Each structure stands twice: as structure tokens, then as C-alpha cells.
Amino acid sequence: MSSVLQTAIDSVKSILEMFSSQSALSVHEAQAAFREPNMKCSLAYITSNFGWIPEKIKKLESSGLSLQESMDILEDVKQKLSTVKGEVGINVSRKFQAVIDRNPPTLLSSLCERS
């Protein structure tokens, strides 16, 4: 795990510990999540395998993209998701494909409106 990720985790955990677990259900659940023994490994897995997704979303949201550029981004996302190992990677890749399969007209018209 990178030192940046470790520092961020430690910072969030120390801030959460300042709150009473009885102040809100979300605080209680977040504190419980940070006590999970495999939480750091899970966060490292998510960061290393899916940390690029926000950048792709920003690119798709930007105006002025041609339909081809948008489709290239989606194809890149599909390819990257297909390389993620483990059950989570398989499930995310399948979900992505299912969304694309169910929404091609909507997706294409949405992308066309932006270009």
C-alpha cells in the first residue's frame, strides 16, 4: 500500500474517532468499517484497480468530445475492467457490459448531444 493511501486512511480514521459512535448511524458504521481487519487491503485493491475511473468519467462529461472519442473512452473502460482480477473485478466488468447492453440507444444519443 502506498504511503499516500496509508496516510489518507490514518487521517480519516483519526477524524472519525473524534466523533461519538452514537452521534449518527453513518459515524457508527464508518468507525466499524475502519475496525475491519481487511479494510486497508480492500481500499488498496479498489484504489489500484479502479482509481482511474473518476478520470474517465470527467472525460466523458467534458463538452466537445466527438462520438468517436466518447466511444473510445468507453472501450478503454471496458478493456481495463476486463483485466481486473478476482470476483469483484469480474462482477464490475459484467455490470458495465450489462449497462451498455441495456442502454445503447440512450447512451449513444446522450453522447451525440455532447458533441
PDB file of N, CA and C in Angstrom:
ATOM      1  N   MET A   1       0.857  -1.167   0.000  1.00  0.00           N
ATOM      2  CA  MET A   1       0.000   0.000   0.000  1.00  0.00           C
ATOM      3  C   MET A   1       0.903   1.229   0.000  1.00  0.00           C
ATOM      4  N   SER A   2       0.517   2.201  -0.801  1.00  0.00           N
ATOM      5  CA  SER A   2       1.329   3.402  -0.905  1.00  0.00           C
ATOM      6  C   SER A   2       1.258   4.205   0.387  1.00  0.00           C
ATOM      7  N   SER A   3       2.297   4.963   0.640  1.00  0.00           N
ATOM      8  CA  SER A   3       2.321   5.785   1.849  1.00  0.00           C
ATOM      9  C   SER A   3       1.256   6.875   1.802  1.00  0.00           C
ATOM     10  N   VAL A   4       0.927   7.346   0.602  1.00  0.00           N
ATOM     11  CA  VAL A   4      -0.125   8.362   0.465  1.00  0.00           C
ATOM     12  C   VAL A   4      -1.467   7.779   0.894  1.00  0.00           C
ATOM     13  N   LEU A   5      -1.778   6.576   0.426  1.00  0.00           N
ATOM     14  CA  LEU A   5      -3.023   5.922   0.798  1.00  0.00           C
ATOM     15  C   LEU A   5      -3.045   5.635   2.296  1.00  0.00           C
ATOM     16  N   GLN A   6      -1.944   5.151   2.821  1.00  0.00           N
ATOM     17  CA  GLN A   6      -1.855   4.860   4.259  1.00  0.00           C
ATOM     18  C   GLN A   6      -2.076   6.121   5.081  1.00  0.00           C
ATOM     19  N   THR A   7      -1.483   7.219   4.665  1.00  0.00           N
ATOM     20  CA  THR A   7      -1.653   8.498   5.370  1.00  0.00           C
ATOM     21  C   THR A   7      -3.109   8.957   5.306  1.00  0.00           C
ATOM     22  N   ALA A   8      -3.724   8.820   4.141  1.00  0.00           N
ATOM     23  CA  ALA A   8      -5.127   9.223   3.997  1.00  0.00           C
ATOM     24  C   ALA A   8      -6.034   8.374   4.882  1.00  0.00           C
ATOM     25  N   ILE A   9      -5.806   7.082   4.899  1.00  0.00           N
ATOM     26  CA  ILE A   9      -6.605   6.185   5.741  1.00  0.00           C
ATOM     27  C   ILE A   9      -6.454   6.548   7.208  1.00  0.00           C
ATOM     28  N   ASP A  10      -5.227   6.749   7.623  1.00  0.00           N
ATOM     29  CA  ASP A  10      -4.972   7.108   9.022  1.00  0.00           C
ATOM     30  C   ASP A  10      -5.616   8.437   9.387  1.00  0.00           C
ATOM     31  N   SER A  11      -5.587   9.401   8.467  1.00  0.00           N
ATOM     32  CA  SER A  11      -6.194  10.713   8.721  1.00  0.00           C
ATOM     33  C   SER A  11      -7.705  10.598   8.879  1.00  0.00           C
ATOM     34  N   VAL A  12      -8.342   9.876   7.970  1.00  0.00           N
ATOM     35  CA  VAL A  12      -9.801   9.707   8.045  1.00  0.00           C
ATOM     36  C   VAL A  12     -10.169   8.959   9.320  1.00  0.00           C
ATOM     37  N   LYS A  13      -9.415   7.936   9.637  1.00  0.00           N
ATOM     38  CA  LYS A  13      -9.696   7.152  10.843  1.00  0.00           C
ATOM     39  C   LYS A  13      -9.576   8.019  12.092  1.00  0.00           C
ATOM     40  N   SER A  14      -8.549   8.842  12.167  1.00  0.00           N
ATOM     41  CA  SER A  14      -8.380   9.683  13.360  1.00  0.00           C
ATOM     42  C   SER A  14      -9.488  10.735  13.468  1.00  0.00           C
ATOM     43  N   ILE A  15      -9.951  11.245  12.335  1.00  0.00           N
ATOM     44  CA  ILE A  15     -11.065  12.197  12.363  1.00  0.00           C
ATOM     45  C   ILE A  15     -12.344  11.492  12.821  1.00  0.00           C
ATOM     46  N   LEU A  16     -12.592  10.293  12.308  1.00  0.00           N
ATOM     47  CA  LEU A  16     -13.785   9.540  12.703  1.00  0.00           C
ATOM     48  C   LEU A  16     -13.791   9.235  14.194  1.00  0.00           C
ATOM     49  N   GLU A  17     -12.618   8.974  14.748  1.00  0.00           N
ATOM     50  CA  GLU A  17     -12.529   8.640  16.164  1.00  0.00           C
ATOM     51  C   GLU A  17     -12.875   9.829  17.061  1.00  0.00           C
ATOM     52  N   MET A  18     -12.864  11.041  16.513  1.00  0.00           N
ATOM     53  CA  MET A  18     -13.227  12.233  17.282  1.00  0.00           C
ATOM     54  C   MET A  18     -14.730  12.294  17.564  1.00  0.00           C
ATOM     55  N   PHE A  19     -15.518  11.595  16.758  1.00  0.00           N
ATOM     56  CA  PHE A  19     -16.973  11.623  16.894  1.00  0.00           C
ATOM     57  C   PHE A  19     -17.454  10.480  17.770  1.00  0.00           C
ATOM     58  N   SER A  20     -18.539  10.714  18.454  1.00  0.00           N
ATOM     59  CA  SER A  20     -19.189   9.659  19.214  1.00  0.00           C
ATOM     60  C   SER A  20     -19.889   8.730  18.231  1.00  0.00           C
ATOM     61  N   SER A  21     -19.755   7.441  18.456  1.00  0.00           N
ATOM     62  CA  SER A  21     -20.412   6.478  17.563  1.00  0.00           C
ATOM     63  C   SER A  21     -21.927   6.569  17.682  1.00  0.00           C
ATOM     64  N   GLN A  22     -22.400   7.223  18.732  1.00  0.00           N
ATOM     65  CA  GLN A  22     -23.841   7.365  18.926  1.00  0.00           C
ATOM     66  C   GLN A  22     -24.380   8.651  18.302  1.00  0.00           C
ATOM     67  N   SER A  23     -23.499   9.476  17.728  1.00  0.00           N
ATOM     68  CA  SER A  23     -23.950  10.744  17.153  1.00  0.00           C
ATOM     69  C   SER A  23     -24.742  10.548  15.863  1.00  0.00           C
ATOM     70  N   ALA A  24     -24.402   9.514  15.106  1.00  0.00           N
ATOM     71  CA  ALA A  24     -25.131   9.241  13.864  1.00  0.00           C
ATOM     72  C   ALA A  24     -24.810   7.815  13.425  1.00  0.00           C
ATOM     73  N   LEU A  25     -25.763   7.218  12.772  1.00  0.00           N
ATOM     74  CA  LEU A  25     -25.570   5.860  12.275  1.00  0.00           C
ATOM     75  C   LEU A  25     -24.403   5.788  11.297  1.00  0.00           C
ATOM     76  N   SER A  26     -24.258   6.820  10.468  1.00  0.00           N
ATOM     77  CA  SER A  26     -23.170   6.822   9.484  1.00  0.00           C
ATOM     78  C   SER A  26     -21.800   6.839  10.177  1.00  0.00           C
ATOM     79  N   VAL A  27     -21.687   7.560  11.273  1.00  0.00           N
ATOM     80  CA  VAL A  27     -20.424   7.592  12.033  1.00  0.00           C
ATOM     81  C   VAL A  27     -20.156   6.211  12.622  1.00  0.00           C
ATOM     82  N   HIS A  28     -21.181   5.631  13.205  1.00  0.00           N
ATOM     83  CA  HIS A  28     -21.048   4.296  13.802  1.00  0.00           C
ATOM     84  C   HIS A  28     -20.590   3.279  12.747  1.00  0.00           C
ATOM     85  N   GLU A  29     -21.230   3.305  11.587  1.00  0.00           N
ATOM     86  CA  GLU A  29     -20.883   2.351  10.534  1.00  0.00           C
ATOM     87  C   GLU A  29     -19.497   2.607   9.957  1.00  0.00           C
ATOM     88  N   ALA A  30     -19.117   3.875   9.814  1.00  0.00           N
ATOM     89  CA  ALA A  30     -17.775   4.189   9.310  1.00  0.00           C
ATOM     90  C   ALA A  30     -16.706   3.735  10.293  1.00  0.00           C
ATOM     91  N   GLN A  31     -16.943   3.973  11.579  1.00  0.00           N
ATOM     92  CA  GLN A  31     -15.982   3.515  12.588  1.00  0.00           C
ATOM     93  C   GLN A  31     -15.862   1.990  12.569  1.00  0.00           C
ATOM     94  N   ALA A  32     -16.988   1.299  12.423  1.00  0.00           N
ATOM     95  CA  ALA A  32     -16.960  -0.165  12.357  1.00  0.00           C
ATOM     96  C   ALA A  32     -16.191  -0.634  11.126  1.00  0.00           C
ATOM     97  N   ALA A  33     -16.377   0.055  10.001  1.00  0.00           N
ATOM     98  CA  ALA A  33     -15.666  -0.315   8.772  1.00  0.00           C
ATOM     99  C   ALA A  33     -14.160  -0.173   8.946  1.00  0.00           C
ATOM    100  N   PHE A  34     -13.726   0.878   9.628  1.00  0.00           N
ATOM    101  CA  PHE A  34     -12.294   1.084   9.826  1.00  0.00           C
ATOM    102  C   PHE A  34     -11.695   0.093  10.815  1.00  0.00           C
ATOM    103  N   ARG A  35     -12.529  -0.581  11.595  1.00  0.00           N
ATOM    104  CA  ARG A  35     -12.028  -1.613  12.509  1.00  0.00           C
ATOM    105  C   ARG A  35     -11.906  -2.976  11.827  1.00  0.00           C
ATOM    106  N   GLU A  36     -12.479  -3.113  10.641  1.00  0.00           N
ATOM    107  CA  GLU A  36     -12.390  -4.381   9.916  1.00  0.00           C
ATOM    108  C   GLU A  36     -10.923  -4.681   9.603  1.00  0.00           C
ATOM    109  N   PRO A  37     -10.476  -5.903   9.865  1.00  0.00           N
ATOM    110  CA  PRO A  37      -9.058  -6.222   9.658  1.00  0.00           C
ATOM    111  C   PRO A  37      -8.585  -6.126   8.204  1.00  0.00           C
ATOM    112  N   ASN A  38      -9.459  -6.385   7.239  1.00  0.00           N
ATOM    113  CA  ASN A  38      -9.026  -6.357   5.840  1.00  0.00           C
ATOM    114  C   ASN A  38      -9.386  -5.057   5.132  1.00  0.00           C
ATOM    115  N   MET A  39      -9.823  -4.049   5.871  1.00  0.00           N
ATOM    116  CA  MET A  39     -10.263  -2.796   5.274  1.00  0.00           C
ATOM    117  C   MET A  39      -9.142  -2.132   4.466  1.00  0.00           C
ATOM    118  N   LYS A  40      -7.943  -2.096   4.988  1.00  0.00           N
ATOM    119  CA  LYS A  40      -6.843  -1.448   4.265  1.00  0.00           C
ATOM    120  C   LYS A  40      -6.528  -2.180   2.959  1.00  0.00           C
ATOM    121  N   CYS A  41      -6.570  -3.485   3.001  1.00  0.00           N
ATOM    122  CA  CYS A  41      -6.332  -4.259   1.779  1.00  0.00           C
ATOM    123  C   CYS A  41      -7.438  -4.011   0.760  1.00  0.00           C
ATOM    124  N   SER A  42      -8.673  -3.921   1.242  1.00  0.00           N
ATOM    125  CA  SER A  42      -9.798  -3.660   0.340  1.00  0.00           C
ATOM    126  C   SER A  42      -9.663  -2.290  -0.315  1.00  0.00           C
ATOM    127  N   LEU A  43      -9.288  -1.289   0.459  1.00  0.00           N
ATOM    128  CA  LEU A  43      -9.110   0.051  -0.096  1.00  0.00           C
ATOM    129  C   LEU A  43      -7.951   0.090  -1.091  1.00  0.00           C
ATOM    130  N   ALA A  44      -6.896  -0.634  -0.790  1.00  0.00           N
ATOM    131  CA  ALA A  44      -5.765  -0.696  -1.716  1.00  0.00           C
ATOM    132  C   ALA A  44      -6.189  -1.371  -3.025  1.00  0.00           C
ATOM    133  N   TYR A  45      -6.992  -2.430  -2.934  1.00  0.00           N
ATOM    134  CA  TYR A  45      -7.498  -3.130  -4.111  1.00  0.00           C
ATOM    135  C   TYR A  45      -8.347  -2.185  -4.965  1.00  0.00           C
ATOM    136  N   ILE A  46      -9.248  -1.470  -4.313  1.00  0.00           N
ATOM    137  CA  ILE A  46     -10.124  -0.537  -5.030  1.00  0.00           C
ATOM    138  C   ILE A  46      -9.302   0.558  -5.695  1.00  0.00           C
ATOM    139  N   THR A  47      -8.382   1.135  -4.962  1.00  0.00           N
ATOM    140  CA  THR A  47      -7.558   2.223  -5.500  1.00  0.00           C
ATOM    141  C   THR A  47      -6.718   1.755  -6.680  1.00  0.00           C
ATOM    142  N   SER A  48      -6.081   0.602  -6.535  1.00  0.00           N
ATOM    143  CA  SER A  48      -5.194   0.152  -7.603  1.00  0.00           C
ATOM    144  C   SER A  48      -5.944  -0.344  -8.836  1.00  0.00           C
ATOM    145  N   ASN A  49      -7.134  -0.883  -8.642  1.00  0.00           N
ATOM    146  CA  ASN A  49      -7.870  -1.438  -9.776  1.00  0.00           C
ATOM    147  C   ASN A  49      -8.922  -0.518 -10.380  1.00  0.00           C
ATOM    148  N   PHE A  50      -9.410   0.444  -9.594  1.00  0.00           N
ATOM    149  CA  PHE A  50     -10.496   1.293 -10.068  1.00  0.00           C
ATOM    150  C   PHE A  50     -10.223   2.785  -9.893  1.00  0.00           C
ATOM    151  N   GLY A  51      -9.038   3.145  -9.469  1.00  0.00           N
ATOM    152  CA  GLY A  51      -8.706   4.545  -9.212  1.00  0.00           C
ATOM    153  C   GLY A  51      -8.724   5.427 -10.448  1.00  0.00           C
ATOM    154  N   TRP A  52      -8.674   4.845 -11.617  1.00  0.00           N
ATOM    155  CA  TRP A  52      -8.676   5.584 -12.885  1.00  0.00           C
ATOM    156  C   TRP A  52     -10.087   5.957 -13.343  1.00  0.00           C
ATOM    157  N   ILE A  53     -11.122   5.385 -12.737  1.00  0.00           N
ATOM    158  CA  ILE A  53     -12.497   5.621 -13.192  1.00  0.00           C
ATOM    159  C   ILE A  53     -12.918   7.091 -13.103  1.00  0.00           C
ATOM    160  N   PRO A  54     -12.640   7.807 -12.022  1.00  0.00           N
ATOM    161  CA  PRO A  54     -13.063   9.225 -11.984  1.00  0.00           C
ATOM    162  C   PRO A  54     -12.518  10.054 -13.158  1.00  0.00           C
ATOM    163  N   GLU A  55     -11.293   9.776 -13.566  1.00  0.00           N
ATOM    164  CA  GLU A  55     -10.711  10.490 -14.708  1.00  0.00           C
ATOM    165  C   GLU A  55     -11.508  10.208 -15.990  1.00  0.00           C
ATOM    166  N   LYS A  56     -11.899   8.956 -16.185  1.00  0.00           N
ATOM    167  CA  LYS A  56     -12.679   8.600 -17.379  1.00  0.00           C
ATOM    168  C   LYS A  56     -14.053   9.262 -17.349  1.00  0.00           C
ATOM    169  N   ILE A  57     -14.667   9.324 -16.177  1.00  0.00           N
ATOM    170  CA  ILE A  57     -15.971   9.982 -16.052  1.00  0.00           C
ATOM    171  C   ILE A  57     -15.847  11.466 -16.385  1.00  0.00           C
ATOM    172  N   LYS A  58     -14.805  12.114 -15.878  1.00  0.00           N
ATOM    173  CA  LYS A  58     -14.594  13.537 -16.183  1.00  0.00           C
ATOM    174  C   LYS A  58     -14.424  13.759 -17.678  1.00  0.00           C
ATOM    175  N   LYS A  59     -13.682  12.862 -18.324  1.00  0.00           N
ATOM    176  CA  LYS A  59     -13.501  12.985 -19.772  1.00  0.00           C
ATOM    177  C   LYS A  59     -14.831  12.857 -20.501  1.00  0.00           C
ATOM    178  N   LEU A  60     -15.653  11.894 -20.076  1.00  0.00           N
ATOM    179  CA  LEU A  60     -16.952  11.706 -20.727  1.00  0.00           C
ATOM    180  C   LEU A  60     -17.888  12.889 -20.484  1.00  0.00           C
ATOM    181  N   GLU A  61     -17.739  13.547 -19.355  1.00  0.00           N
ATOM    182  CA  GLU A  61     -18.593  14.683 -19.031  1.00  0.00           C
ATOM    183  C   GLU A  61     -18.159  15.969 -19.726  1.00  0.00           C
ATOM    184  N   SER A  62     -16.950  15.994 -20.230  1.00  0.00           N
ATOM    185  CA  SER A  62     -16.461  17.217 -20.857  1.00  0.00           C
ATOM    186  C   SER A  62     -17.184  17.464 -22.174  1.00  0.00           C
ATOM    187  N   SER A  63     -17.367  18.735 -22.479  1.00  0.00           N
ATOM    188  CA  SER A  63     -18.058  19.072 -23.727  1.00  0.00           C
ATOM    189  C   SER A  63     -17.059  19.077 -24.877  1.00  0.00           C
ATOM    190  N   GLY A  64     -17.594  18.927 -26.063  1.00  0.00           N
ATOM    191  CA  GLY A  64     -16.756  18.991 -27.248  1.00  0.00           C
ATOM    192  C   GLY A  64     -16.161  17.674 -27.691  1.00  0.00           C
ATOM    193  N   LEU A  65     -16.462  16.587 -26.980  1.00  0.00           N
ATOM    194  CA  LEU A  65     -15.952  15.290 -27.411  1.00  0.00           C
ATOM    195  C   LEU A  65     -16.741  14.809 -28.618  1.00  0.00           C
ATOM    196  N   SER A  66     -16.038  14.252 -29.557  1.00  0.00           N
ATOM    197  CA  SER A  66     -16.737  13.630 -30.687  1.00  0.00           C
ATOM    198  C   SER A  66     -17.316  12.299 -30.223  1.00  0.00           C
ATOM    199  N   LEU A  67     -18.255  11.781 -30.993  1.00  0.00           N
ATOM    200  CA  LEU A  67     -18.825  10.479 -30.674  1.00  0.00           C
ATOM    201  C   LEU A  67     -17.725   9.424 -30.651  1.00  0.00           C
ATOM    202  N   GLN A  68     -16.804   9.505 -31.584  1.00  0.00           N
ATOM    203  CA  GLN A  68     -15.703   8.534 -31.635  1.00  0.00           C
ATOM    204  C   GLN A  68     -14.845   8.612 -30.377  1.00  0.00           C
ATOM    205  N   GLU A  69     -14.554   9.823 -29.922  1.00  0.00           N
ATOM    206  CA  GLU A  69     -13.754   9.976 -28.696  1.00  0.00           C
ATOM    207  C   GLU A  69     -14.482   9.376 -27.492  1.00  0.00           C
ATOM    208  N   SER A  70     -15.786   9.623 -27.409  1.00  0.00           N
ATOM    209  CA  SER A  70     -16.570   9.064 -26.312  1.00  0.00           C
ATOM    210  C   SER A  70     -16.589   7.541 -26.369  1.00  0.00           C
ATOM    211  N   MET A  71     -16.786   7.009 -27.550  1.00  0.00           N
ATOM    212  CA  MET A  71     -16.797   5.556 -27.701  1.00  0.00           C
ATOM    213  C   MET A  71     -15.425   4.954 -27.390  1.00  0.00           C
ATOM    214  N   ASP A  72     -14.361   5.647 -27.755  1.00  0.00           N
ATOM    215  CA  ASP A  72     -13.010   5.183 -27.433  1.00  0.00           C
ATOM    216  C   ASP A  72     -12.801   5.120 -25.918  1.00  0.00           C
ATOM    217  N   ILE A  73     -13.320   6.107 -25.204  1.00  0.00           N
ATOM    218  CA  ILE A  73     -13.204   6.118 -23.742  1.00  0.00           C
ATOM    219  C   ILE A  73     -13.952   4.913 -23.167  1.00  0.00           C
ATOM    220  N   LEU A  74     -15.174   4.683 -23.638  1.00  0.00           N
ATOM    221  CA  LEU A  74     -15.942   3.535 -23.149  1.00  0.00           C
ATOM    222  C   LEU A  74     -15.250   2.212 -23.466  1.00  0.00           C
ATOM    223  N   GLU A  75     -14.651   2.117 -24.629  1.00  0.00           N
ATOM    224  CA  GLU A  75     -13.921   0.893 -24.992  1.00  0.00           C
ATOM    225  C   GLU A  75     -12.703   0.707 -24.089  1.00  0.00           C
ATOM    226  N   ASP A  76     -12.021   1.807 -23.770  1.00  0.00           N
ATOM    227  CA  ASP A  76     -10.878   1.741 -22.854  1.00  0.00           C
ATOM    228  C   ASP A  76     -11.327   1.290 -21.463  1.00  0.00           C
ATOM    229  N   VAL A  77     -12.459   1.814 -21.003  1.00  0.00           N
ATOM    230  CA  VAL A  77     -13.002   1.405 -19.706  1.00  0.00           C
ATOM    231  C   VAL A  77     -13.301  -0.095 -19.727  1.00  0.00           C
ATOM    232  N   LYS A  78     -13.962  -0.551 -20.775  1.00  0.00           N
ATOM    233  CA  LYS A  78     -14.294  -1.975 -20.904  1.00  0.00           C
ATOM    234  C   LYS A  78     -13.034  -2.833 -20.862  1.00  0.00           C
ATOM    235  N   GLN A  79     -12.017  -2.409 -21.596  1.00  0.00           N
ATOM    236  CA  GLN A  79     -10.764  -3.176 -21.640  1.00  0.00           C
ATOM    237  C   GLN A  79     -10.099  -3.204 -20.269  1.00  0.00           C
ATOM    238  N   LYS A  80     -10.021  -2.064 -19.604  1.00  0.00           N
ATOM    239  CA  LYS A  80      -9.375  -2.013 -18.279  1.00  0.00           C
ATOM    240  C   LYS A  80     -10.142  -2.838 -17.257  1.00  0.00           C
ATOM    241  N   LEU A  81     -11.467  -2.771 -17.289  1.00  0.00           N
ATOM    242  CA  LEU A  81     -12.259  -3.562 -16.349  1.00  0.00           C
ATOM    243  C   LEU A  81     -12.063  -5.056 -16.578  1.00  0.00           C
ATOM    244  N   SER A  82     -11.857  -5.447 -17.816  1.00  0.00           N
ATOM    245  CA  SER A  82     -11.692  -6.875 -18.117  1.00  0.00           C
ATOM    246  C   SER A  82     -10.380  -7.436 -17.566  1.00  0.00           C
ATOM    247  N   THR A  83      -9.445  -6.576 -17.204  1.00  0.00           N
ATOM    248  CA  THR A  83      -8.161  -7.046 -16.680  1.00  0.00           C
ATOM    249  C   THR A  83      -8.120  -7.124 -15.152  1.00  0.00           C
ATOM    250  N   VAL A  84      -9.162  -6.618 -14.489  1.00  0.00           N
ATOM    251  CA  VAL A  84      -9.179  -6.632 -13.023  1.00  0.00           C
ATOM    252  C   VAL A  84      -9.402  -8.062 -12.550  1.00  0.00           C
ATOM    253  N   LYS A  85      -8.539  -8.520 -11.682  1.00  0.00           N
ATOM    254  CA  LYS A  85      -8.595  -9.895 -11.186  1.00  0.00           C
ATOM    255  C   LYS A  85      -9.586 -10.014 -10.033  1.00  0.00           C
ATOM    256  N   GLY A  86     -10.038 -11.221  -9.820  1.00  0.00           N
ATOM    257  CA  GLY A  86     -10.877 -11.527  -8.675  1.00  0.00           C
ATOM    258  C   GLY A  86     -12.359 -11.409  -8.970  1.00  0.00           C
ATOM    259  N   GLU A  87     -13.141 -11.857  -8.005  1.00  0.00           N
ATOM    260  CA  GLU A  87     -14.600 -11.879  -8.149  1.00  0.00           C
ATOM    261  C   GLU A  87     -15.171 -10.482  -8.328  1.00  0.00           C
ATOM    262  N   VAL A  88     -14.637  -9.524  -7.591  1.00  0.00           N
ATOM    263  CA  VAL A  88     -15.130  -8.150  -7.711  1.00  0.00           C
ATOM    264  C   VAL A  88     -14.887  -7.623  -9.115  1.00  0.00           C
ATOM    265  N   GLY A  89     -13.702  -7.853  -9.645  1.00  0.00           N
ATOM    266  CA  GLY A  89     -13.383  -7.402 -10.992  1.00  0.00           C
ATOM    267  C   GLY A  89     -14.304  -8.005 -12.037  1.00  0.00           C
ATOM    268  N   ILE A  90     -14.573  -9.297 -11.898  1.00  0.00           N
ATOM    269  CA  ILE A  90     -15.481  -9.972 -12.829  1.00  0.00           C
ATOM    270  C   ILE A  90     -16.879  -9.374 -12.732  1.00  0.00           C
ATOM    271  N   ASN A  91     -17.354  -9.162 -11.518  1.00  0.00           N
ATOM    272  CA  ASN A  91     -18.701  -8.610 -11.328  1.00  0.00           C
ATOM    273  C   ASN A  91     -18.819  -7.187 -11.855  1.00  0.00           C
ATOM    274  N   VAL A  92     -17.820  -6.371 -11.626  1.00  0.00           N
ATOM    275  CA  VAL A  92     -17.856  -4.993 -12.124  1.00  0.00           C
ATOM    276  C   VAL A  92     -17.828  -4.984 -13.646  1.00  0.00           C
ATOM    277  N   SER A  93     -16.999  -5.815 -14.236  1.00  0.00           N
ATOM    278  CA  SER A  93     -16.919  -5.898 -15.692  1.00  0.00           C
ATOM    279  C   SER A  93     -18.250  -6.355 -16.285  1.00  0.00           C
ATOM    280  N   ARG A  94     -18.865  -7.352 -15.664  1.00  0.00           N
ATOM    281  CA  ARG A  94     -20.171  -7.829 -16.141  1.00  0.00           C
ATOM    282  C   ARG A  94     -21.237  -6.740 -16.006  1.00  0.00           C
ATOM    283  N   LYS A  95     -21.223  -6.025 -14.901  1.00  0.00           N
ATOM    284  CA  LYS A  95     -22.206  -4.963 -14.680  1.00  0.00           C
ATOM    285  C   LYS A  95     -22.041  -3.861 -15.723  1.00  0.00           C
ATOM    286  N   PHE A  96     -20.803  -3.470 -15.986  1.00  0.00           N
ATOM    287  CA  PHE A  96     -20.544  -2.458 -17.001  1.00  0.00           C
ATOM    288  C   PHE A  96     -21.114  -2.903 -18.349  1.00  0.00           C
ATOM    289  N   GLN A  97     -20.829  -4.142 -18.733  1.00  0.00           N
ATOM    290  CA  GLN A  97     -21.312  -4.654 -20.014  1.00  0.00           C
ATOM    291  C   GLN A  97     -22.831  -4.721 -20.043  1.00  0.00           C
ATOM    292  N   ALA A  98     -23.443  -5.107 -18.936  1.00  0.00           N
ATOM    293  CA  ALA A  98     -24.907  -5.180 -18.876  1.00  0.00           C
ATOM    294  C   ALA A  98     -25.532  -3.799 -19.053  1.00  0.00           C
ATOM    295  N   VAL A  99     -24.939  -2.795 -18.443  1.00  0.00           N
ATOM    296  CA  VAL A  99     -25.452  -1.423 -18.586  1.00  0.00           C
ATOM    297  C   VAL A  99     -25.331  -0.968 -20.033  1.00  0.00           C
ATOM    298  N   ILE A 100     -24.206  -1.231 -20.650  1.00  0.00           N
ATOM    299  CA  ILE A 100     -24.006  -0.863 -22.057  1.00  0.00           C
ATOM    300  C   ILE A 100     -25.015  -1.612 -22.941  1.00  0.00           C
ATOM    301  N   ASP A 101     -25.182  -2.897 -22.686  1.00  0.00           N
ATOM    302  CA  ASP A 101     -26.097  -3.707 -23.496  1.00  0.00           C
ATOM    303  C   ASP A 101     -27.554  -3.239 -23.368  1.00  0.00           C
ATOM    304  N   ARG A 102     -27.941  -2.808 -22.171  1.00  0.00           N
ATOM    305  CA  ARG A 102     -29.321  -2.383 -21.946  1.00  0.00           C
ATOM    306  C   ARG A 102     -29.608  -0.972 -22.437  1.00  0.00           C
ATOM    307  N   ASN A 103     -28.575  -0.154 -22.601  1.00  0.00           N
ATOM    308  CA  ASN A 103     -28.796   1.258 -22.876  1.00  0.00           C
ATOM    309  C   ASN A 103     -28.129   1.806 -24.126  1.00  0.00           C
ATOM    310  N   PRO A 104     -27.884   1.022 -25.163  1.00  0.00           N
ATOM    311  CA  PRO A 104     -27.161   1.601 -26.296  1.00  0.00           C
ATOM    312  C   PRO A 104     -27.845   2.800 -26.942  1.00  0.00           C
ATOM    313  N   PRO A 105     -29.163   2.789 -27.185  1.00  0.00           N
ATOM    314  CA  PRO A 105     -29.755   3.979 -27.808  1.00  0.00           C
ATOM    315  C   PRO A 105     -29.661   5.212 -26.908  1.00  0.00           C
ATOM    316  N   THR A 106     -29.940   5.032 -25.633  1.00  0.00           N
ATOM    317  CA  THR A 106     -29.857   6.143 -24.686  1.00  0.00           C
ATOM    318  C   THR A 106     -28.431   6.642 -24.572  1.00  0.00           C
ATOM    319  N   LEU A 107     -27.510   5.713 -24.465  1.00  0.00           N
ATOM    320  CA  LEU A 107     -26.105   6.077 -24.327  1.00  0.00           C
ATOM    321  C   LEU A 107     -25.618   6.816 -25.562  1.00  0.00           C
ATOM    322  N   LEU A 108     -25.921   6.296 -26.726  1.00  0.00           N
ATOM    323  CA  LEU A 108     -25.461   6.938 -27.953  1.00  0.00           C
ATOM    324  C   LEU A 108     -26.086   8.317 -28.143  1.00  0.00           C
ATOM    325  N   SER A 109     -27.365   8.443 -27.855  1.00  0.00           N
ATOM    326  CA  SER A 109     -27.994   9.760 -28.031  1.00  0.00           C
ATOM    327  C   SER A 109     -27.433  10.750 -27.035  1.00  0.00           C
ATOM    328  N   SER A 110     -27.137  10.300 -25.839  1.00  0.00           N
ATOM    329  CA  SER A 110     -26.545  11.172 -24.830  1.00  0.00           C
ATOM    330  C   SER A 110     -25.165  11.636 -25.278  1.00  0.00           C
ATOM    331  N   LEU A 111     -24.382  10.715 -25.826  1.00  0.00           N
ATOM    332  CA  LEU A 111     -23.056  11.077 -26.297  1.00  0.00           C
ATOM    333  C   LEU A 111     -23.126  12.004 -27.503  1.00  0.00           C
ATOM    334  N   CYS A 112     -24.099  11.786 -28.372  1.00  0.00           N
ATOM    335  CA  CYS A 112     -24.260  12.630 -29.563  1.00  0.00           C
ATOM    336  C   CYS A 112     -24.627  14.046 -29.179  1.00  0.00           C
ATOM    337  N   GLU A 113     -25.442  14.223 -28.142  1.00  0.00           N
ATOM    338  CA  GLU A 113     -25.844  15.548 -27.708  1.00  0.00           C
ATOM    339  C   GLU A 113     -24.663  16.382 -27.246  1.00  0.00           C
ATOM    340  N   ARG A 114     -23.630  15.711 -26.720  1.00  0.00           N
ATOM    341  CA  ARG A 114     -22.463  16.430 -26.213  1.00  0.00           C
ATOM    342  C   ARG A 114     -21.523  16.873 -27.307  1.00  0.00           C
ATOM    343  N   SER A 115     -21.515  16.179 -28.445  1.00  0.00           N
ATOM    344  CA  SER A 115     -20.543  16.505 -29.490  1.00  0.00           C
ATOM    345  C   SER A 115     -21.042  17.579 -30.420  1.00  0.00           C
TER     346      SER A 115
END
